[in-house]
Structures are given as C-alpha cells and as structure tokens.
Amino acid sequence: MAVELIHAEHINKSFSGVPALTDVSFSLNAGEVHALLGENGAGKSTLVKIFSGVYTKDSGTVAVCGETVEALNPQKASELGIAIIHQELNLCTHLSVAENIFLGREKTRHGLLNKRAANSEARRLLQSLNIDIDPEMVVGDLQVSKQQMVEIAKALSQNARILIMDEPTSALTSSEIKELFKIVRSLKEKNCGIIYISHRLEELQHIVDRATILRDGEYITTLNYSETNLQELISYMVGRNIKEKFPRVECTVGKKVLEVKNLNAGRLVRDISFELREGEIVGIAGLMGAGRTETTRALYGIDKKQSGEIILDGKSIDIKKPEDSIQNGIVLIPEDRKKDGLFTKLSIRNNIGMPNLDLLSNFLGIVSKNKERDMAYKCRDTLKIKLSSIESDSANLSGGNQQKVVVGKWMSRSFRVAIFDEPTRGIDVAAKVEIYNIINRLKRQGIGILFVSSELPEILGFADRILVMCDGRITGNLPGKDATQEIILDLATRFEKKIA
C-alpha cells in the first residue's frame, strides 16, 4: 500500500470575501507524480501555497505523513520536507550554483564561509540526481533548464520529500524537457512525491500517475492518468468541450502594412527581411536562442538596431525607442508579461491607462481619472477579464487575465501592427482560445499580426504564414497550409547542420 505524504480535506480559502477554494480535497502518495490541473483562477496556486505555508487555510484539514498540521508556515513546511519550485525561478543569478543551493544555510568552518565544503556537497547532490553542472559556475551563465535543475537540487538539499513544481517546462525546449523528466523519474524512484502543475497537457502522459482537476476553486475529480485522455481532461477543466483548439479564421489579406529590410541588431538579429500584410498572421518559429524575441525587441525599439530599414504603410520610419513604435502604430505584447508587460504593484486601471496617457491627459498634462476608469471598464467588458475590481493590483490576477490586461491596454488606441511574443505561455487551454479569438478579432480588422511561439502545433494551427529562424537568421518562409513540424525543425536546425 502506498505511503500517503499529503492528505487534505474540505479546504476553504477566501480573499476579501471572494472564495478561492471551496471544499477542496487532495492527496499525494510517495513515489507519485500527481498533476494538479485547471484553468487560470481555478485555485491550483492557492492550494499549493497552503501546502507550502505561504497562505493559511480558512478551514479544513491538512495531514503530512499521517500527522495533522494546524499552523503551517514556510519554515514549518520546509521542516516537514515540502518544497515548491515556482514558475518564476527564485535564484540569485550573480552567485554560484553551490551558493544558491545552500543560500541561508551556508557551510561554515570556524565562523567563516567554507566554499570547499559547499562545492563538494553540491557536487555530490548534483551527481546523485545525474545533473551535469559545475557547482562553481555562476547561475546567471546557465541555460534556463539548468537553472531549473539547480532549483530542484536546492529543494532536495533540504531533504524535501514533497516537491511542488509549478509550470516547470514553460520556458524549456523539447530537449530540455526530456532532461527534466529524467530527473522527475529519478525522484519518483527515490519515493519523493511530486505535485505537478502544467498547462501543457500533452506532456503529462510521460510522467503523471494521477490527475486532480479544480474548476472555479472547487474540486471536480481525481483520475488515474492511464485511464483518461486529453479531451476528457479538458472537458473537466472547462466544464464544456472545446472543439477547436486553434480557431483559425479566413479573411482577405490586404496590402503590405509592414516591411523589414536587412535588420541587424547583435548576434541574434542578422540580416532579417520579411513583410507583413493587413489581416495576416505571420508566425515566427525556431528553437530557443534562434533570435525570435531579439528580433521583436529590435523591431520595437527596445534594443538598438545596427542597420536596416523598417517600412510602415509604404513609409520608412525611424524607431529608436518603444515610444516611436507606439506613435507609429506598432504595439508589443512581450514574452514575459510580469517583467515587461505589467506593473504588478499597480492597479489594473493604472496598467491599462499607462501607455495611453496621451489619450487621457488634457493640454496641461493632467490625467483624467474618469477617462482612465472608463477605459479600464471598456477593456474589462470587451475582453471578459475576470477581476474583483479595476483597482486591484494586477499581480492578483490569474495568468490568463494578466495576459488580457497586457493586450487590452493597446485596444483603446489605433495601431496597424501587433507583435505577440509567446502570448499563451503559462495560461490554460480555455484562456488560450480566448487569446486566439482576440487575435482573430484584430485580424478581421485588418491589423497585421506577428506571432512568436515555441509551440509548433500552435504555430502550425494558427499562422497564415511561418517564418523560421535559426542562429539569428530567417531560414524559411512557408505558407501555413504547406508547413509541417518536420519541415520547420529542419529549417530551425539548418545552420547547426552546416556547422556539423
């Protein structure tokens, strides 16, 4: 009989009177990967934060290894062997791997830091997990996948038996995901229990034993993963069938709206040339490090371009900073919504109004709060953003609703080109469809759309035309209907093959 590591029953939690969890139950066994699934706002993060001691439950019971725990806080959770790896990695990038692993629990000798002991212990720990990383390397020099493994090692260095992984693959390539899954399987063999949160449902089949689904803060069901399928999971998550995963709309492609000629900006933006037409979605595909995001940053004026020409509606424009792009009618939904798309400590009203101050101010530069509120309410209603108040901090929204705010702040102004960089990363399947529908609405209005995505099925299912990048260059320009994963991957590795 499996050893039960966590047993939670009738968990309730509210924030300012708004229920986040209602009568939720959950269990985790040793040597098990248990997926916790649901749309954004379903209550997944709230539940695992209760387990890790970040939040205090309002009512219900939590037992860890058979013992009921009443006052669970982060220190107590750590002592009980519970560790959480957040979607946004919590590492000091200027410190070494070993220094990060033992941060707050430094190895000392005679009151002085003992780096040799820390490096030795970190090396032993990493080797036990078959992780090939030098403990003396600076974390900031590592790939994201390696940083994720440092987080895992850090958690296990505290003798964690219960590991909570929140969207661990959202920023990883397919090869890096395979590395991570090897670690997960080795942890299972060591009888660790893993709570696994992910919106990439296709990957769950490789590692998950059971899945629990939450919806609107309520427990829906728990299933053995081998006895279910993707469509059934989605149906439980959203309460309905989503027939079309990538809702493509057909509309007449208009005149050329954007033309980029010989754009250069550093090592990963080299001689980039392409065009975009009205009512067209052009996807940009490629492996991590191909230069996709760097191209959008150079085009938008975040990074300085070294050479090249940007032509909008037949007129050459000079973009030196993002303000130039906005004034010319080019807007960006960035890859990292929390870091680059939102002021998380400001209200939703402020976030929507911030890039539109020129529309909200009088001739003296005084912002009209009434206009700002009206703009926020219109954005909320048009995009169906779920929020308690427009005065709430944007940090309190679910990932899907945060993304809608990032998109919505541009909807009150006129623009010709919208750049979407990984717009569906870290959001659930239903929220993805809502983002697709927003993009389709812009497409029907004759807006030209650049769509960057790491997920090939998404690019193939949604884009009218696909640009493939490798090593900072465009290696392919394909009609969407003719493209396949095999063709894209061949083009995405073209320069690597030449080097080989």
Protein backbone atom coordinates (compact mmCIF):
# COMPACT_ATOMS: atom_id res chain seq x y z
CA MET A 1 0.00 0.00 0.00
CA ALA A 2 1.32 3.43 -0.99
CA VAL A 3 2.53 5.77 1.76
CA GLU A 4 0.39 8.93 1.80
CA LEU A 5 2.54 12.06 2.06
CA ILE A 6 -0.26 14.66 1.94
CA HIS A 7 -3.91 14.22 2.77
CA ALA A 8 -6.05 17.37 2.60
CA GLU A 9 -9.81 17.52 3.14
CA HIS A 10 -12.51 20.21 2.91
CA ILE A 11 -10.03 23.06 2.33
CA ASN A 12 -11.61 26.53 2.14
CA LYS A 13 -9.87 29.82 1.43
CA SER A 14 -11.22 33.30 0.64
CA PHE A 15 -9.59 36.65 -0.14
CA SER A 16 -11.56 39.77 0.85
CA GLY A 17 -14.72 37.67 0.93
CA VAL A 18 -14.13 36.20 -2.55
CA PRO A 19 -13.82 32.37 -2.41
CA ALA A 20 -10.61 31.00 -3.93
CA LEU A 21 -11.09 27.40 -2.72
CA THR A 22 -14.35 25.75 -1.67
CA ASP A 23 -14.36 22.31 -0.05
CA VAL A 24 -11.29 21.04 -1.89
CA SER A 25 -9.67 17.68 -1.15
CA PHE A 26 -6.34 16.32 -2.40
CA SER A 27 -3.85 13.55 -1.65
CA LEU A 28 -0.30 12.72 -2.69
CA ASN A 29 1.49 9.39 -2.37
CA ALA A 30 5.20 8.62 -2.11
CA GLY A 31 6.77 7.83 -5.48
CA GLU A 32 3.92 9.52 -7.34
CA VAL A 33 3.62 12.41 -9.78
CA HIS A 34 0.18 13.91 -9.18
CA ALA A 35 -0.89 16.57 -11.70
CA LEU A 36 -2.98 19.46 -10.38
CA LEU A 37 -4.96 20.82 -13.33
CA GLY A 38 -7.46 23.57 -14.03
CA GLU A 39 -7.93 26.86 -15.83
CA ASN A 40 -6.21 30.01 -14.61
CA GLY A 41 -8.08 31.07 -11.49
CA ALA A 42 -9.16 27.50 -10.70
CA GLY A 43 -7.34 27.59 -7.35
CA LYS A 44 -4.24 25.50 -8.11
CA SER A 45 -1.70 28.06 -6.90
CA THR A 46 -3.78 28.86 -3.81
CA LEU A 47 -3.88 25.18 -2.82
CA VAL A 48 -0.13 24.57 -3.21
CA LYS A 49 0.62 27.83 -1.37
CA ILE A 50 -1.42 26.45 1.54
CA PHE A 51 0.68 23.27 1.43
CA SER A 52 3.92 25.29 1.37
CA GLY A 53 2.77 27.60 4.19
CA VAL A 54 2.54 30.80 2.14
CA TYR A 55 -1.23 31.04 2.74
CA THR A 56 -3.21 29.97 5.79
CA LYS A 57 -6.37 27.95 5.09
CA ASP A 58 -9.67 29.27 6.47
CA SER A 59 -10.90 25.78 7.32
CA GLY A 60 -10.27 22.12 6.56
CA THR A 61 -7.50 19.70 7.50
CA VAL A 62 -4.02 19.03 6.12
CA ALA A 63 -2.07 15.95 7.21
CA VAL A 64 1.58 15.42 6.26
CA CYS A 65 2.84 11.83 6.54
CA GLY A 66 -0.19 10.93 8.65
CA GLU A 67 0.09 13.79 11.15
CA THR A 68 -2.41 16.66 11.08
CA VAL A 69 -0.70 20.04 10.81
CA GLU A 70 -2.56 23.12 12.06
CA ALA A 71 -0.16 26.09 11.95
CA LEU A 72 1.57 25.59 8.61
CA ASN A 73 4.04 28.33 7.67
CA PRO A 74 7.01 28.33 5.22
CA GLN A 75 9.51 27.30 7.93
CA LYS A 76 7.26 24.52 9.21
CA ALA A 77 6.59 23.31 5.65
CA SER A 78 10.34 23.17 4.98
CA GLU A 79 10.90 21.20 8.20
CA LEU A 80 8.21 18.75 7.05
CA GLY A 81 10.05 18.27 3.75
CA ILE A 82 7.78 20.37 1.49
CA ALA A 83 9.47 22.48 -1.19
CA ILE A 84 7.99 24.49 -4.07
CA ILE A 85 9.63 25.40 -7.37
CA HIS A 86 7.84 28.42 -8.76
CA GLN A 87 7.29 29.21 -12.44
CA GLU A 88 9.48 32.29 -11.97
CA LEU A 89 12.78 30.87 -10.74
CA ASN A 90 13.91 32.10 -7.33
CA LEU A 91 17.68 32.17 -7.74
CA CYS A 92 20.44 34.75 -7.19
CA THR A 93 21.90 34.86 -10.67
CA HIS A 94 25.17 36.53 -9.57
CA LEU A 95 26.01 33.70 -7.16
CA SER A 96 27.42 30.27 -7.93
CA VAL A 97 25.36 27.07 -8.15
CA ALA A 98 26.63 25.88 -4.75
CA GLU A 99 26.00 29.28 -3.13
CA ASN A 100 22.41 29.19 -4.38
CA ILE A 101 21.82 25.63 -3.20
CA PHE A 102 22.93 26.47 0.35
CA LEU A 103 21.67 30.07 0.48
CA GLY A 104 20.59 30.78 4.06
CA ARG A 105 22.17 27.52 5.21
CA GLU A 106 25.79 28.31 4.31
CA LYS A 107 28.56 25.82 5.04
CA THR A 108 30.92 27.36 7.59
CA ARG A 109 34.12 26.49 9.44
CA HIS A 110 35.21 28.43 12.50
CA GLY A 111 32.61 31.06 11.67
CA LEU A 112 33.87 31.57 8.12
CA LEU A 113 32.28 30.51 4.83
CA ASN A 114 33.57 27.13 3.73
CA LYS A 115 33.30 27.23 -0.08
CA ARG A 116 35.19 23.98 -0.50
CA ALA A 117 32.64 22.10 1.64
CA ALA A 118 29.72 23.78 -0.16
CA ASN A 119 31.11 22.90 -3.59
CA SER A 120 31.83 19.32 -2.52
CA GLU A 121 28.36 18.77 -1.05
CA ALA A 122 26.67 20.45 -4.05
CA ARG A 123 28.69 18.26 -6.44
CA ARG A 124 27.63 15.13 -4.57
CA LEU A 125 23.98 16.20 -4.63
CA LEU A 126 24.02 17.07 -8.33
CA GLN A 127 25.72 13.77 -9.21
CA SER A 128 23.11 11.83 -7.21
CA LEU A 129 20.48 13.41 -9.50
CA ASN A 130 22.58 12.79 -12.64
CA ILE A 131 22.74 16.57 -13.20
CA ASP A 132 25.87 17.58 -15.10
CA ILE A 133 26.51 21.09 -13.73
CA ASP A 134 29.71 22.51 -12.22
CA PRO A 135 28.76 23.77 -8.72
CA GLU A 136 31.24 26.64 -9.09
CA MET A 137 29.52 28.08 -12.18
CA VAL A 138 27.63 31.37 -11.86
CA VAL A 139 23.89 30.63 -12.11
CA GLY A 140 23.28 33.55 -14.48
CA ASP A 141 25.54 31.86 -17.05
CA LEU A 142 23.38 28.71 -17.13
CA GLN A 143 20.54 27.91 -19.52
CA VAL A 144 17.04 28.19 -18.05
CA SER A 145 16.73 24.38 -17.97
CA LYS A 146 19.94 24.09 -15.92
CA GLN A 147 18.74 26.83 -13.57
CA GLN A 148 15.56 24.81 -13.07
CA MET A 149 17.64 21.79 -12.07
CA VAL A 150 19.58 23.94 -9.61
CA GLU A 151 16.20 24.83 -8.05
CA ILE A 152 15.40 21.12 -7.75
CA ALA A 153 18.79 20.40 -6.17
CA LYS A 154 18.27 23.32 -3.77
CA ALA A 155 14.93 21.86 -2.68
CA LEU A 156 16.31 18.36 -2.23
CA SER A 157 19.30 19.67 -0.27
CA GLN A 158 16.73 20.49 2.42
CA ASN A 159 15.63 16.83 2.48
CA ALA A 160 12.40 17.61 0.65
CA ARG A 161 10.14 14.59 0.21
CA ILE A 162 7.28 16.56 -1.30
CA LEU A 163 8.17 18.65 -4.34
CA ILE A 164 5.70 21.11 -5.87
CA MET A 165 6.55 22.02 -9.47
CA ASP A 166 4.61 24.99 -10.89
CA GLU A 167 4.79 25.18 -14.72
CA PRO A 168 8.35 23.74 -14.77
CA THR A 169 8.53 23.41 -18.57
CA SER A 170 7.02 26.75 -19.65
CA ALA A 171 10.39 28.19 -20.74
CA LEU A 172 12.09 24.94 -21.83
CA THR A 173 12.77 23.45 -25.25
CA SER A 174 11.75 19.86 -26.05
CA SER A 175 15.28 18.52 -25.40
CA GLU A 176 15.44 20.38 -22.07
CA ILE A 177 12.04 18.97 -21.10
CA LYS A 178 13.38 15.46 -21.67
CA GLU A 179 16.25 16.23 -19.27
CA LEU A 180 13.80 17.49 -16.66
CA PHE A 181 11.62 14.39 -16.99
CA LYS A 182 14.64 12.16 -16.36
CA ILE A 183 15.12 14.00 -13.05
CA VAL A 184 11.42 13.62 -12.21
CA ARG A 185 11.56 9.86 -12.83
CA SER A 186 14.67 9.50 -10.65
CA LEU A 187 12.89 11.39 -7.85
CA LYS A 188 9.94 9.01 -8.12
CA GLU A 189 12.33 6.08 -7.70
CA LYS A 190 13.62 7.75 -4.52
CA ASN A 191 9.98 7.83 -3.22
CA CYS A 192 9.57 11.59 -3.50
CA GLY A 193 6.03 12.77 -4.11
CA ILE A 194 5.62 15.44 -6.78
CA ILE A 195 2.70 17.81 -7.29
CA TYR A 196 2.95 18.87 -10.92
CA ILE A 197 1.13 21.93 -12.29
CA SER A 198 1.19 22.43 -16.05
CA HIS A 199 -0.92 23.81 -18.88
CA ARG A 200 0.99 21.71 -21.41
CA LEU A 201 -1.40 18.78 -21.18
CA GLU A 202 0.29 16.82 -23.96
CA GLU A 203 3.43 16.32 -21.86
CA LEU A 204 1.66 14.82 -18.84
CA GLN A 205 1.41 11.33 -20.33
CA HIS A 206 5.17 10.88 -19.95
CA ILE A 207 5.37 11.28 -16.16
CA VAL A 208 1.96 11.63 -14.44
CA ASP A 209 0.30 8.89 -12.39
CA ARG A 210 -2.86 10.69 -11.24
CA ALA A 211 -4.55 14.00 -12.03
CA THR A 212 -6.83 16.14 -9.88
CA ILE A 213 -8.93 18.80 -11.61
CA LEU A 214 -10.12 22.02 -9.98
CA ARG A 215 -12.62 24.44 -11.54
CA ASP A 216 -13.59 27.84 -10.13
CA GLY A 217 -11.99 26.93 -6.80
CA GLU A 218 -13.90 23.67 -6.45
CA TYR A 219 -12.78 20.03 -6.56
CA ILE A 220 -14.09 18.30 -9.70
CA THR A 221 -12.47 14.85 -9.85
CA THR A 222 -9.31 12.75 -9.49
CA LEU A 223 -8.37 10.33 -12.27
CA ASN A 224 -5.75 7.69 -12.94
CA TYR A 225 -3.91 9.23 -15.87
CA SER A 226 -3.60 5.96 -17.76
CA GLU A 227 -7.40 5.65 -17.76
CA THR A 228 -8.22 9.07 -19.22
CA ASN A 229 -7.46 11.12 -22.34
CA LEU A 230 -6.71 14.71 -23.29
CA GLN A 231 -10.25 15.61 -24.36
CA GLU A 232 -11.74 14.27 -21.13
CA LEU A 233 -9.27 16.29 -19.05
CA ILE A 234 -10.07 19.47 -20.99
CA SER A 235 -13.80 18.84 -20.61
CA TYR A 236 -13.45 18.50 -16.83
CA MET A 237 -11.26 21.61 -16.64
CA VAL A 238 -13.53 23.98 -18.57
CA GLY A 239 -16.91 22.33 -17.99
CA ARG A 240 -17.51 22.05 -21.72
CA ASN A 241 -15.92 20.60 -24.85
CA ILE A 242 -13.50 22.82 -26.74
CA LYS A 243 -13.94 21.51 -30.27
CA GLU A 244 -11.40 23.72 -31.99
CA LYS A 245 -8.05 24.06 -30.27
CA PHE A 246 -6.71 26.64 -32.74
CA PRO A 247 -9.68 28.66 -34.05
CA ARG A 248 -8.33 29.90 -37.38
CA VAL A 249 -10.39 32.49 -39.29
CA GLU A 250 -10.09 33.12 -43.00
CA CYS A 251 -10.16 36.69 -44.29
CA THR A 252 -8.87 38.53 -47.30
CA VAL A 253 -5.25 39.57 -46.94
CA GLY A 254 -4.85 43.27 -47.75
CA LYS A 255 -1.99 45.50 -48.76
CA LYS A 256 1.52 45.35 -47.34
CA VAL A 257 1.44 47.02 -43.92
CA LEU A 258 4.98 46.31 -42.67
CA GLU A 259 8.24 45.61 -44.45
CA VAL A 260 11.54 44.93 -42.71
CA LYS A 261 14.73 45.09 -44.77
CA ASN A 262 18.14 43.81 -43.67
CA LEU A 263 17.60 44.38 -39.94
CA ASN A 264 20.72 43.79 -37.82
CA ALA A 265 20.99 44.08 -34.03
CA GLY A 266 23.65 41.97 -32.35
CA ARG A 267 24.48 38.30 -32.84
CA LEU A 268 20.89 37.02 -32.92
CA VAL A 269 19.35 39.52 -35.36
CA ARG A 270 21.26 39.17 -38.61
CA ASP A 271 20.04 40.48 -41.94
CA ILE A 272 16.35 39.96 -41.14
CA SER A 273 13.97 40.76 -44.00
CA PHE A 274 10.26 39.99 -44.28
CA GLU A 275 6.90 41.58 -45.00
CA LEU A 276 3.50 41.52 -43.29
CA ARG A 277 0.11 42.28 -44.82
CA GLU A 278 -3.20 43.53 -43.46
CA GLY A 279 -5.29 40.76 -41.91
CA GLU A 280 -2.38 38.30 -41.92
CA ILE A 281 -0.91 36.30 -39.03
CA VAL A 282 2.77 35.59 -39.61
CA GLY A 283 4.20 33.10 -37.13
CA ILE A 284 7.87 33.16 -36.14
CA ALA A 285 9.18 29.71 -35.23
CA GLY A 286 12.57 28.45 -34.12
CA LEU A 287 14.42 26.82 -31.26
CA MET A 288 15.38 28.70 -28.10
CA GLY A 289 18.24 31.07 -28.90
CA ALA A 290 17.25 31.38 -32.56
CA GLY A 291 16.70 35.14 -32.22
CA ARG A 292 12.90 35.36 -32.33
CA THR A 293 12.43 37.57 -29.26
CA GLU A 294 15.57 39.55 -30.08
CA THR A 295 14.06 40.36 -33.49
CA THR A 296 10.84 41.66 -31.93
CA ARG A 297 12.84 43.76 -29.45
CA ALA A 298 14.93 45.33 -32.22
CA LEU A 299 11.86 45.95 -34.34
CA TYR A 300 10.04 47.58 -31.41
CA GLY A 301 12.97 49.78 -30.39
CA ILE A 302 13.84 48.09 -27.08
CA ASP A 303 17.24 47.01 -28.41
CA LYS A 304 19.24 49.34 -30.64
CA LYS A 305 19.42 48.26 -34.26
CA GLN A 306 22.77 48.48 -36.01
CA SER A 307 21.35 48.73 -39.52
CA GLY A 308 18.28 48.02 -41.57
CA GLU A 309 15.05 49.70 -42.63
CA ILE A 310 11.51 49.47 -41.23
CA ILE A 311 8.73 50.48 -43.60
CA LEU A 312 5.15 51.00 -42.38
CA ASP A 313 2.36 51.55 -44.93
CA GLY A 314 4.96 52.32 -47.59
CA LYS A 315 6.79 54.92 -45.49
CA SER A 316 10.22 54.40 -43.91
CA ILE A 317 10.08 55.06 -40.15
CA ASP A 318 12.87 55.63 -37.64
CA ILE A 319 12.37 53.57 -34.48
CA LYS A 320 14.88 54.28 -31.73
CA LYS A 321 12.72 53.55 -28.69
CA PRO A 322 9.34 51.88 -27.91
CA GLU A 323 7.60 55.26 -27.85
CA ASP A 324 8.47 55.66 -31.55
CA SER A 325 6.81 52.30 -32.29
CA ILE A 326 3.66 53.20 -30.37
CA GLN A 327 3.34 56.58 -32.06
CA ASN A 328 3.74 54.92 -35.46
CA GLY A 329 1.13 52.25 -34.71
CA ILE A 330 3.20 49.21 -33.72
CA VAL A 331 2.43 47.57 -30.35
CA LEU A 332 4.08 44.69 -28.48
CA ILE A 333 2.73 42.01 -26.17
CA PRO A 334 6.08 40.87 -24.68
CA GLU A 335 7.31 37.38 -23.87
CA ASP A 336 7.48 37.95 -20.09
CA ARG A 337 4.20 39.61 -19.13
CA LYS A 338 5.13 40.09 -15.47
CA LYS A 339 8.58 41.53 -16.12
CA ASP A 340 7.96 43.55 -19.29
CA GLY A 341 4.19 43.81 -19.77
CA LEU A 342 2.77 44.80 -16.38
CA PHE A 343 3.39 46.96 -13.35
CA THR A 344 2.36 44.20 -10.95
CA LYS A 345 2.18 46.52 -7.92
CA LEU A 346 -0.11 48.98 -9.70
CA SER A 347 -3.86 48.64 -10.22
CA ILE A 348 -5.42 47.19 -13.33
CA ARG A 349 -6.76 50.70 -14.07
CA ASN A 350 -3.23 52.13 -13.94
CA ASN A 351 -1.83 49.37 -16.14
CA ILE A 352 -4.41 49.92 -18.84
CA GLY A 353 -4.01 53.68 -18.68
CA MET A 354 -0.21 53.84 -18.51
CA PRO A 355 0.63 53.58 -22.25
CA ASN A 356 -2.37 55.76 -23.12
CA LEU A 357 -1.59 58.87 -21.09
CA ASP A 358 -1.55 60.92 -24.29
CA LEU A 359 -5.20 59.97 -24.80
CA LEU A 360 -6.17 60.52 -21.15
CA SER A 361 -4.47 63.86 -20.47
CA ASN A 362 -5.61 67.41 -21.18
CA PHE A 363 -3.40 70.15 -22.69
CA LEU A 364 -1.82 70.71 -19.26
CA GLY A 365 -0.79 67.06 -19.00
CA ILE A 366 -3.32 66.26 -16.22
CA VAL A 367 -4.71 62.72 -16.44
CA SER A 368 -8.48 62.33 -16.26
CA LYS A 369 -9.24 59.51 -13.80
CA ASN A 370 -12.79 59.30 -15.16
CA LYS A 371 -11.48 58.64 -18.66
CA GLU A 372 -8.98 56.14 -17.24
CA ARG A 373 -11.74 54.29 -15.37
CA ASP A 374 -13.96 54.24 -18.46
CA MET A 375 -11.06 52.86 -20.49
CA ALA A 376 -10.44 50.13 -17.90
CA TYR A 377 -14.12 49.16 -17.71
CA LYS A 378 -14.38 49.01 -21.51
CA CYS A 379 -11.29 46.80 -21.63
CA ARG A 380 -12.71 44.54 -18.89
CA ASP A 381 -16.03 44.12 -20.70
CA THR A 382 -14.61 43.73 -24.22
CA LEU A 383 -12.01 41.11 -23.27
CA LYS A 384 -14.08 39.50 -20.47
CA ILE A 385 -11.37 39.96 -17.86
CA LYS A 386 -12.27 38.27 -14.58
CA LEU A 387 -11.45 40.68 -11.77
CA SER A 388 -12.94 41.80 -8.47
CA SER A 389 -12.16 45.48 -9.09
CA ILE A 390 -10.22 47.60 -11.58
CA GLU A 391 -8.43 49.00 -8.51
CA SER A 392 -6.96 45.57 -7.63
CA ASP A 393 -3.24 45.01 -8.20
CA SER A 394 -2.59 43.24 -11.48
CA ALA A 395 -0.41 40.75 -9.58
CA ASN A 396 -3.61 39.29 -8.07
CA LEU A 397 -4.98 38.21 -11.46
CA SER A 398 -4.57 34.74 -12.93
CA GLY A 399 -2.06 34.34 -15.75
CA GLY A 400 -4.71 34.36 -18.47
CA ASN A 401 -6.35 37.50 -17.13
CA GLN A 402 -2.96 39.21 -16.74
CA GLN A 403 -2.33 38.49 -20.41
CA LYS A 404 -5.68 40.02 -21.32
CA VAL A 405 -4.68 43.21 -19.47
CA VAL A 406 -1.38 43.31 -21.40
CA VAL A 407 -3.35 43.01 -24.66
CA GLY A 408 -6.18 45.25 -23.50
CA LYS A 409 -4.05 48.29 -22.75
CA TRP A 410 -3.49 48.67 -26.52
CA MET A 411 -7.14 48.22 -27.52
CA SER A 412 -8.06 51.86 -26.80
CA ARG A 413 -5.68 53.26 -29.36
CA SER A 414 -5.22 52.92 -33.11
CA PHE A 415 -2.44 50.65 -34.34
CA ARG A 416 -1.50 48.87 -37.55
CA VAL A 417 0.79 46.06 -36.36
CA ALA A 418 0.61 43.90 -33.20
CA ILE A 419 3.57 41.76 -32.12
CA PHE A 420 2.59 38.84 -29.88
CA ASP A 421 5.64 37.16 -28.28
CA GLU A 422 4.68 33.84 -26.61
CA PRO A 423 1.15 35.16 -25.82
CA THR A 424 -0.17 31.83 -24.49
CA ARG A 425 2.80 30.77 -22.34
CA GLY A 426 1.70 29.64 -18.88
CA ILE A 427 -2.05 30.00 -19.43
CA ASP A 428 -4.70 27.30 -19.55
CA VAL A 429 -6.36 25.81 -22.62
CA ALA A 430 -9.56 27.86 -22.36
CA ALA A 431 -7.66 31.13 -21.81
CA LYS A 432 -5.52 30.27 -24.84
CA VAL A 433 -8.62 30.04 -27.02
CA GLU A 434 -9.76 33.43 -25.69
CA ILE A 435 -6.37 34.96 -26.63
CA TYR A 436 -6.63 33.35 -30.10
CA ASN A 437 -10.10 34.87 -30.51
CA ILE A 438 -8.78 38.33 -29.55
CA ILE A 439 -6.03 38.00 -32.17
CA ASN A 440 -8.59 36.83 -34.74
CA ARG A 441 -10.69 39.91 -33.99
CA LEU A 442 -7.67 42.10 -34.75
CA LYS A 443 -7.03 40.08 -37.91
CA ARG A 444 -10.56 40.77 -39.15
CA GLN A 445 -9.97 44.48 -38.53
CA GLY A 446 -7.04 44.39 -40.96
CA ILE A 447 -4.28 44.51 -38.32
CA GLY A 448 -1.04 42.77 -39.28
CA ILE A 449 -0.04 40.19 -36.63
CA LEU A 450 3.45 38.87 -35.83
CA PHE A 451 3.06 35.76 -33.67
CA VAL A 452 6.10 34.25 -31.89
CA SER A 453 5.63 30.83 -30.28
CA SER A 454 7.81 27.96 -29.06
CA GLU A 455 4.93 25.50 -29.54
CA LEU A 456 4.97 24.13 -33.07
CA PRO A 457 1.37 22.84 -33.01
CA GLU A 458 0.26 26.37 -32.10
CA ILE A 459 2.24 27.96 -34.94
CA LEU A 460 1.00 25.34 -37.42
CA GLY A 461 -2.59 25.60 -36.25
CA PHE A 462 -2.85 29.38 -36.14
CA ALA A 463 -0.46 31.14 -38.52
CA ASP A 464 -1.23 32.01 -42.15
CA ARG A 465 2.47 32.14 -42.97
CA ILE A 466 5.50 30.96 -40.99
CA LEU A 467 8.99 32.44 -40.78
CA VAL A 468 11.57 30.01 -39.38
CA MET A 469 14.67 31.34 -37.62
CA CYS A 470 17.98 29.72 -36.79
CA ASP A 471 21.10 31.33 -35.37
CA GLY A 472 19.74 34.85 -35.81
CA ARG A 473 18.70 34.44 -39.44
CA ILE A 474 15.48 33.62 -41.30
CA THR A 475 15.95 30.18 -42.86
CA GLY A 476 12.43 29.62 -44.16
CA ASN A 477 9.27 31.43 -45.26
CA LEU A 478 6.38 28.95 -45.54
CA PRO A 479 2.65 29.16 -46.28
CA GLY A 480 0.91 27.88 -43.15
CA LYS A 481 -1.10 25.27 -45.06
CA ASP A 482 2.06 23.71 -46.51
CA ALA A 483 4.16 23.64 -43.32
CA THR A 484 4.81 20.56 -41.17
CA GLN A 485 6.72 20.03 -37.93
CA GLU A 486 9.39 18.11 -39.85
CA ILE A 487 9.95 20.95 -42.34
CA ILE A 488 10.07 23.59 -39.59
CA LEU A 489 12.52 21.59 -37.45
CA ASP A 490 14.74 21.03 -40.48
CA LEU A 491 14.83 24.78 -41.15
CA ALA A 492 15.24 25.56 -37.43
CA THR A 493 18.45 23.48 -37.28
CA ARG A 494 19.84 24.39 -40.70
CA PHE A 495 22.89 26.34 -39.54
CA GLU A 496 23.70 23.73 -36.90
CA LYS A 497 23.74 21.12 -39.65
CA LYS A 498 26.04 23.23 -41.80
CA ILE A 499 28.45 23.57 -38.89
CA ALA A 500 28.27 19.83 -38.22
